[in-house]
Structure formats: C-alpha cells, structure tokens
Amino acid sequence: MHVHPKADKGAKGQVGAPMPGEVVEVRVKEGTTVAKGDPLCVLSAMKMETVVTAPVAGKVTKLHVRPGLSLEGEDLIAVIE
C-alpha cells in the first residue's frame, strides 16, 4: 500500500490536492519556473476535471505526482520555492 505525503498547510509553497481524484495530466516538471496561477496538473473526479494552479511564484523543486496516480484530498502535488 502506497501512502502519499500530505501538504503542510502552513508552508505556502506546498501544493495539496483540492479534492480526491486521479491525475490525468501534469503540466510542469521539476525545475520549471511558474507564476502564481500557472497550471500544475489536472485532476479528474466523477467525470469533472479540476486544474490545480500554483499558489505562489517560484521554481518547482519537487513534483510528487504522475499521470494515473490516485490522490486523496490534501495529498502533496508539488513544492514551489
């Protein structure tokens, strides 16, 4: 059984999943520089897609998702510094 790390709500650069779902697309790689609001990945749940965006500007230093991965709410998606 795989246990996915949870995002720390106190750390502004940690991006958590807003809802349970499956990762259908990842739009960044580690090392990508993003602006606040840039899309990071797309989650699908019950035939609805949600685009997860960067809450802050910076560089993606760690990416914790890949297409096909199932997430629960608040699972860590990425770290932006």
C-alpha atoms as a PDB file:
ATOM      1  CA  MET A   1       0.000   0.000   0.000  1.00  0.00           C
ATOM      2  CA  HIS A   2       1.360   3.415  -1.000  1.00  0.00           C
ATOM      3  CA  VAL A   3       0.900   6.295   1.425  1.00  0.00           C
ATOM      4  CA  HIS A   4       1.165   9.684  -0.262  1.00  0.00           C
ATOM      5  CA  PRO A   5       2.605  12.599   1.757  1.00  0.00           C
ATOM      6  CA  LYS A   6       0.188  15.354   2.789  1.00  0.00           C
ATOM      7  CA  ALA A   7       0.724  19.040   2.073  1.00  0.00           C
ATOM      8  CA  ASP A   8       1.620  21.228   5.056  1.00  0.00           C
ATOM      9  CA  LYS A   9      -0.997  23.991   5.062  1.00  0.00           C
ATOM     10  CA  GLY A  10       1.443  26.280   6.877  1.00  0.00           C
ATOM     11  CA  ALA A  11       4.041  26.045   4.110  1.00  0.00           C
ATOM     12  CA  LYS A  12       2.956  28.434   1.344  1.00  0.00           C
ATOM     13  CA  GLY A  13       4.988  26.643  -1.354  1.00  0.00           C
ATOM     14  CA  GLN A  14       3.437  23.219  -0.783  1.00  0.00           C
ATOM     15  CA  VAL A  15       0.546  22.466  -3.131  1.00  0.00           C
ATOM     16  CA  GLY A  16      -2.074  19.961  -1.970  1.00  0.00           C
ATOM     17  CA  ALA A  17      -4.835  18.248  -3.912  1.00  0.00           C
ATOM     18  CA  PRO A  18      -8.086  20.220  -3.509  1.00  0.00           C
ATOM     19  CA  MET A  19     -10.149  17.006  -3.745  1.00  0.00           C
ATOM     20  CA  PRO A  20      -9.732  13.265  -4.239  1.00  0.00           C
ATOM     21  CA  GLY A  21      -9.171  12.280  -7.859  1.00  0.00           C
ATOM     22  CA  GLU A  22      -6.883  10.846 -10.493  1.00  0.00           C
ATOM     23  CA  VAL A  23      -4.039  12.810 -12.071  1.00  0.00           C
ATOM     24  CA  VAL A  24      -4.821  12.947 -15.804  1.00  0.00           C
ATOM     25  CA  GLU A  25      -2.163  15.446 -16.885  1.00  0.00           C
ATOM     26  CA  VAL A  26       0.976  17.004 -15.396  1.00  0.00           C
ATOM     27  CA  ARG A  27       1.852  20.357 -16.971  1.00  0.00           C
ATOM     28  CA  VAL A  28       5.187  21.093 -15.227  1.00  0.00           C
ATOM     29  CA  LYS A  29       8.473  19.321 -14.462  1.00  0.00           C
ATOM     30  CA  GLU A  30      10.914  19.697 -11.609  1.00  0.00           C
ATOM     31  CA  GLY A  31      12.917  22.836 -12.316  1.00  0.00           C
ATOM     32  CA  THR A  32      10.057  24.627 -14.105  1.00  0.00           C
ATOM     33  CA  THR A  33       9.639  28.287 -13.115  1.00  0.00           C
ATOM     34  CA  VAL A  34       5.973  29.151 -12.540  1.00  0.00           C
ATOM     35  CA  ALA A  35       3.994  32.319 -11.901  1.00  0.00           C
ATOM     36  CA  LYS A  36       1.165  32.479  -9.389  1.00  0.00           C
ATOM     37  CA  GLY A  37      -1.879  30.921 -11.073  1.00  0.00           C
ATOM     38  CA  ASP A  38       0.030  28.817 -13.615  1.00  0.00           C
ATOM     39  CA  PRO A  39      -1.439  25.306 -14.108  1.00  0.00           C
ATOM     40  CA  LEU A  40       0.491  22.480 -12.423  1.00  0.00           C
ATOM     41  CA  CYS A  41      -1.693  19.446 -13.139  1.00  0.00           C
ATOM     42  CA  VAL A  42      -5.232  18.321 -13.951  1.00  0.00           C
ATOM     43  CA  LEU A  43      -7.259  16.091 -11.613  1.00  0.00           C
ATOM     44  CA  SER A  44     -10.329  14.134 -12.655  1.00  0.00           C
ATOM     45  CA  ALA A  45     -13.053  13.033 -10.245  1.00  0.00           C
ATOM     46  CA  MET A  46     -16.527  11.810 -11.171  1.00  0.00           C
ATOM     47  CA  LYS A  47     -16.030  12.949 -14.799  1.00  0.00           C
ATOM     48  CA  MET A  48     -15.183  16.509 -13.723  1.00  0.00           C
ATOM     49  CA  GLU A  49     -11.718  17.937 -14.293  1.00  0.00           C
ATOM     50  CA  THR A  50     -10.033  20.430 -11.996  1.00  0.00           C
ATOM     51  CA  VAL A  51      -6.871  22.336 -12.885  1.00  0.00           C
ATOM     52  CA  VAL A  52      -4.559  22.715  -9.887  1.00  0.00           C
ATOM     53  CA  THR A  53      -2.672  26.019 -10.085  1.00  0.00           C
ATOM     54  CA  ALA A  54       0.432  27.423  -8.415  1.00  0.00           C
ATOM     55  CA  PRO A  55      -0.432  29.390  -5.256  1.00  0.00           C
ATOM     56  CA  VAL A  56       2.883  31.287  -5.424  1.00  0.00           C
ATOM     57  CA  ALA A  57       5.515  32.205  -7.999  1.00  0.00           C
ATOM     58  CA  GLY A  58       8.797  30.302  -7.942  1.00  0.00           C
ATOM     59  CA  LYS A  59      10.541  27.153  -9.123  1.00  0.00           C
ATOM     60  CA  VAL A  60       9.047  23.656  -8.850  1.00  0.00           C
ATOM     61  CA  THR A  61      11.653  21.907  -6.702  1.00  0.00           C
ATOM     62  CA  LYS A  62       9.796  18.628  -6.130  1.00  0.00           C
ATOM     63  CA  LEU A  63       6.941  17.023  -8.055  1.00  0.00           C
ATOM     64  CA  HIS A  64       5.022  14.268  -6.241  1.00  0.00           C
ATOM     65  CA  VAL A  65       2.541  13.211  -8.952  1.00  0.00           C
ATOM     66  CA  ARG A  66       2.428  11.452 -12.319  1.00  0.00           C
ATOM     67  CA  PRO A  67      -0.436  10.709 -14.715  1.00  0.00           C
ATOM     68  CA  GLY A  68      -2.640   7.861 -13.484  1.00  0.00           C
ATOM     69  CA  LEU A  69      -1.880   8.400  -9.791  1.00  0.00           C
ATOM     70  CA  SER A  70      -4.915   8.447  -7.481  1.00  0.00           C
ATOM     71  CA  LEU A  71      -4.877  11.174  -4.846  1.00  0.00           C
ATOM     72  CA  GLU A  72      -6.859  11.948  -1.723  1.00  0.00           C
ATOM     73  CA  GLY A  73      -7.655  15.459  -0.523  1.00  0.00           C
ATOM     74  CA  GLU A  74      -4.573  17.420   0.617  1.00  0.00           C
ATOM     75  CA  ASP A  75      -2.114  14.885  -0.866  1.00  0.00           C
ATOM     76  CA  LEU A  76       1.089  16.706  -1.809  1.00  0.00           C
ATOM     77  CA  ILE A  77       1.291  17.580  -5.513  1.00  0.00           C
ATOM     78  CA  ALA A  78       4.351  19.831  -5.689  1.00  0.00           C
ATOM     79  CA  VAL A  79       6.749  22.013  -3.729  1.00  0.00           C
ATOM     80  CA  ILE A  80       7.458  25.505  -5.098  1.00  0.00           C
ATOM     81  CA  GLU A  81      10.325  27.583  -3.728  1.00  0.00           C
END
